[in-house]
């Protein structure tokens, strides 16, 4: 199942080699441990640059959006088997 969303999420990250690495995400009162960072890319939205992270846990694939100007994280896509 594929869902397009725009839900605020809390994301815990680590920093290594000048990169942001999402580690866990809290969405709908549930924590998801991010096992894989599959793709990271940037997009220009007007004058600002935003970051997209395609990540997965053991069962789901998530697309996260980071607005670095206000440190706002959004869950914008969800892929599940169910």
N, C-alpha and C. Protein backbone atom coordinates (compact mmCIF):
# COMPACT_ATOMS: atom_id res chain seq x y z
N UNK A 1 0.84 -1.17 0.00
CA UNK A 1 0.00 0.00 0.00
C UNK A 1 0.89 1.24 0.00
N UNK A 2 0.51 2.23 -0.74
CA UNK A 2 1.24 3.49 -0.85
C UNK A 2 0.34 4.62 -0.40
N UNK A 3 0.84 5.45 0.49
CA UNK A 3 0.07 6.60 0.98
C UNK A 3 0.90 7.87 0.81
N UNK A 4 0.27 8.92 0.31
CA UNK A 4 0.88 10.24 0.29
C UNK A 4 0.40 10.98 1.53
N UNK A 5 1.33 11.52 2.29
CA UNK A 5 1.03 12.17 3.56
C UNK A 5 1.74 13.52 3.62
N UNK A 6 1.50 14.23 4.67
CA UNK A 6 2.27 15.43 5.00
C UNK A 6 2.22 15.60 6.52
N UNK A 7 2.52 14.52 7.23
CA UNK A 7 2.38 14.48 8.68
C UNK A 7 3.66 14.92 9.38
N UNK A 8 3.54 15.75 10.41
CA UNK A 8 4.73 16.09 11.19
C UNK A 8 5.22 14.87 11.95
N UNK A 9 6.52 14.70 12.02
CA UNK A 9 7.14 13.60 12.76
C UNK A 9 8.32 14.13 13.55
N UNK A 10 8.66 13.40 14.60
CA UNK A 10 9.89 13.66 15.34
C UNK A 10 10.93 12.67 14.86
N UNK A 11 12.12 13.16 14.56
CA UNK A 11 13.18 12.30 14.05
C UNK A 11 14.43 12.50 14.89
N UNK A 12 14.98 11.40 15.37
CA UNK A 12 16.26 11.44 16.07
C UNK A 12 17.34 11.12 15.04
N UNK A 13 18.38 11.94 15.00
CA UNK A 13 19.43 11.78 14.00
C UNK A 13 20.79 11.68 14.66
N UNK A 14 21.74 11.22 13.89
CA UNK A 14 23.14 11.33 14.26
C UNK A 14 23.84 12.04 13.09
N UNK A 15 25.03 12.50 13.36
CA UNK A 15 25.81 13.21 12.36
C UNK A 15 27.13 12.48 12.18
N UNK A 16 27.49 12.22 10.92
CA UNK A 16 28.75 11.56 10.61
C UNK A 16 29.21 12.00 9.23
N UNK A 17 30.48 12.28 9.11
CA UNK A 17 31.07 12.66 7.82
C UNK A 17 30.30 13.79 7.15
N UNK A 18 29.88 14.76 7.95
CA UNK A 18 29.17 15.94 7.42
C UNK A 18 27.81 15.58 6.83
N UNK A 19 27.18 14.51 7.34
CA UNK A 19 25.87 14.07 6.85
C UNK A 19 24.90 13.90 8.02
N UNK A 20 23.62 14.08 7.73
CA UNK A 20 22.55 13.84 8.69
C UNK A 20 22.07 12.41 8.46
N UNK A 21 22.01 11.62 9.55
CA UNK A 21 21.60 10.22 9.44
C UNK A 21 20.40 9.97 10.35
N UNK A 22 19.19 9.87 9.79
CA UNK A 22 18.02 9.57 10.62
C UNK A 22 18.17 8.19 11.28
N UNK A 23 17.83 8.12 12.57
CA UNK A 23 17.96 6.85 13.32
C UNK A 23 16.62 6.30 13.78
N UNK A 24 15.76 7.16 14.31
CA UNK A 24 14.42 6.74 14.71
C UNK A 24 13.43 7.84 14.34
N UNK A 25 12.18 7.41 14.16
CA UNK A 25 11.11 8.35 13.83
C UNK A 25 9.93 8.05 14.73
N UNK A 26 9.28 9.09 15.22
CA UNK A 26 8.06 8.94 16.02
C UNK A 26 6.91 9.51 15.22
N UNK A 27 5.93 8.64 14.93
CA UNK A 27 4.76 9.03 14.14
C UNK A 27 3.53 8.35 14.72
N UNK A 28 2.48 9.11 14.93
CA UNK A 28 1.23 8.58 15.51
C UNK A 28 1.48 7.83 16.82
N UNK A 29 2.28 8.43 17.68
CA UNK A 29 2.58 7.87 19.00
C UNK A 29 3.31 6.53 18.95
N UNK A 30 3.96 6.23 17.83
CA UNK A 30 4.71 4.99 17.69
C UNK A 30 6.12 5.29 17.19
N UNK A 31 7.10 4.59 17.75
CA UNK A 31 8.49 4.75 17.34
C UNK A 31 8.86 3.72 16.29
N UNK A 32 9.61 4.17 15.28
CA UNK A 32 10.10 3.31 14.21
C UNK A 32 11.61 3.42 14.17
N UNK A 33 12.30 2.30 14.28
CA UNK A 33 13.75 2.29 14.19
C UNK A 33 14.14 2.23 12.72
N UNK A 34 14.87 3.20 12.27
CA UNK A 34 15.29 3.24 10.87
C UNK A 34 16.49 2.32 10.69
N UNK A 35 16.30 1.30 9.89
CA UNK A 35 17.35 0.31 9.65
C UNK A 35 18.23 0.67 8.46
N UNK A 36 17.63 1.29 7.43
CA UNK A 36 18.37 1.61 6.21
C UNK A 36 18.04 3.01 5.72
N UNK A 37 19.06 3.70 5.28
CA UNK A 37 18.89 4.96 4.55
C UNK A 37 19.15 4.61 3.10
N UNK A 38 18.08 4.58 2.32
CA UNK A 38 18.17 4.07 0.95
C UNK A 38 18.56 5.13 -0.07
N UNK A 39 18.15 6.37 0.17
CA UNK A 39 18.43 7.45 -0.78
C UNK A 39 18.28 8.78 -0.06
N UNK A 40 19.15 9.72 -0.37
CA UNK A 40 19.05 11.09 0.12
C UNK A 40 19.21 12.01 -1.08
N UNK A 41 18.30 12.97 -1.21
CA UNK A 41 18.45 13.95 -2.28
C UNK A 41 17.87 15.29 -1.83
N UNK A 42 18.26 16.34 -2.54
CA UNK A 42 17.79 17.69 -2.24
C UNK A 42 16.95 18.19 -3.40
N UNK A 43 16.04 19.11 -3.05
CA UNK A 43 15.16 19.73 -4.03
C UNK A 43 15.04 21.21 -3.66
N UNK A 44 14.98 22.05 -4.64
CA UNK A 44 14.72 23.47 -4.42
C UNK A 44 13.22 23.70 -4.40
N UNK A 45 12.74 24.34 -3.36
CA UNK A 45 11.34 24.77 -3.27
C UNK A 45 11.38 26.29 -3.14
N UNK A 46 11.26 26.94 -4.29
CA UNK A 46 11.46 28.39 -4.30
C UNK A 46 12.93 28.67 -4.06
N UNK A 47 13.20 29.50 -3.07
CA UNK A 47 14.60 29.85 -2.76
C UNK A 47 15.24 28.92 -1.75
N UNK A 48 14.45 28.04 -1.15
CA UNK A 48 15.01 27.19 -0.11
C UNK A 48 15.31 25.80 -0.63
N UNK A 49 16.29 25.16 -0.03
CA UNK A 49 16.67 23.80 -0.36
C UNK A 49 16.16 22.88 0.75
N UNK A 50 15.42 21.83 0.38
CA UNK A 50 14.93 20.86 1.35
C UNK A 50 15.55 19.49 1.04
N UNK A 51 15.61 18.66 2.06
CA UNK A 51 16.22 17.35 1.95
C UNK A 51 15.15 16.27 2.05
N UNK A 52 15.28 15.25 1.21
CA UNK A 52 14.40 14.09 1.25
C UNK A 52 15.23 12.85 1.59
N UNK A 53 14.72 12.04 2.50
CA UNK A 53 15.36 10.81 2.93
C UNK A 53 14.40 9.66 2.68
N UNK A 54 14.79 8.72 1.85
CA UNK A 54 14.03 7.49 1.68
C UNK A 54 14.66 6.47 2.61
N UNK A 55 13.89 6.05 3.62
CA UNK A 55 14.41 5.19 4.67
C UNK A 55 13.47 4.01 4.87
N UNK A 56 13.94 3.01 5.59
CA UNK A 56 13.09 1.84 5.86
C UNK A 56 13.42 1.25 7.22
N UNK A 57 12.39 0.63 7.80
CA UNK A 57 12.60 -0.22 8.95
C UNK A 57 12.49 -1.66 8.43
N UNK A 58 12.15 -2.60 9.26
CA UNK A 58 12.08 -3.98 8.78
C UNK A 58 10.83 -4.28 7.97
N UNK A 59 9.79 -3.41 8.06
CA UNK A 59 8.51 -3.70 7.41
C UNK A 59 7.99 -2.60 6.49
N UNK A 60 8.50 -1.40 6.61
CA UNK A 60 7.93 -0.24 5.92
C UNK A 60 9.02 0.58 5.24
N UNK A 61 8.58 1.32 4.24
CA UNK A 61 9.45 2.30 3.59
C UNK A 61 8.83 3.67 3.79
N UNK A 62 9.66 4.64 4.17
CA UNK A 62 9.19 5.99 4.47
C UNK A 62 9.97 7.00 3.63
N UNK A 63 9.30 8.06 3.24
CA UNK A 63 9.98 9.19 2.63
C UNK A 63 9.81 10.36 3.58
N UNK A 64 10.93 10.85 4.11
CA UNK A 64 10.94 11.95 5.06
C UNK A 64 11.44 13.21 4.38
N UNK A 65 10.88 14.34 4.79
CA UNK A 65 11.30 15.63 4.27
C UNK A 65 11.81 16.47 5.43
N UNK A 66 12.99 17.06 5.25
CA UNK A 66 13.58 17.96 6.24
C UNK A 66 13.71 19.34 5.65
N UNK A 67 13.10 20.31 6.32
CA UNK A 67 13.29 21.72 5.99
C UNK A 67 14.36 22.24 6.95
N UNK A 68 15.59 22.45 6.47
CA UNK A 68 16.68 22.83 7.37
C UNK A 68 16.57 24.25 7.93
N UNK A 69 15.74 25.08 7.33
CA UNK A 69 15.59 26.45 7.85
C UNK A 69 14.88 26.47 9.20
N UNK A 70 13.89 25.59 9.38
CA UNK A 70 13.18 25.56 10.66
C UNK A 70 13.24 24.18 11.33
N UNK A 71 14.06 23.28 10.79
CA UNK A 71 14.24 21.92 11.32
C UNK A 71 12.92 21.16 11.44
N UNK A 72 12.05 21.37 10.47
CA UNK A 72 10.75 20.72 10.41
C UNK A 72 10.87 19.41 9.63
N UNK A 73 10.48 18.30 10.27
CA UNK A 73 10.46 16.99 9.62
C UNK A 73 9.02 16.62 9.29
N UNK A 74 8.82 16.05 8.10
CA UNK A 74 7.51 15.60 7.65
C UNK A 74 7.64 14.19 7.07
N UNK A 75 6.64 13.37 7.35
CA UNK A 75 6.51 12.09 6.67
C UNK A 75 5.63 12.36 5.45
N UNK A 76 6.21 12.22 4.25
CA UNK A 76 5.47 12.59 3.04
C UNK A 76 4.98 11.38 2.24
N UNK A 77 5.61 10.22 2.44
CA UNK A 77 5.14 9.01 1.77
C UNK A 77 5.39 7.81 2.66
N UNK A 78 4.49 6.84 2.54
CA UNK A 78 4.59 5.59 3.29
C UNK A 78 4.26 4.43 2.35
N UNK A 79 5.12 3.42 2.34
CA UNK A 79 4.89 2.19 1.58
C UNK A 79 4.86 1.03 2.56
N UNK A 80 3.80 0.24 2.53
CA UNK A 80 3.69 -0.93 3.39
C UNK A 80 3.19 -2.12 2.58
N UNK A 81 3.34 -3.31 3.13
CA UNK A 81 2.83 -4.50 2.48
C UNK A 81 1.34 -4.69 2.70
N UNK A 82 0.80 -4.06 3.78
CA UNK A 82 -0.59 -4.32 4.17
C UNK A 82 -1.63 -3.50 3.52
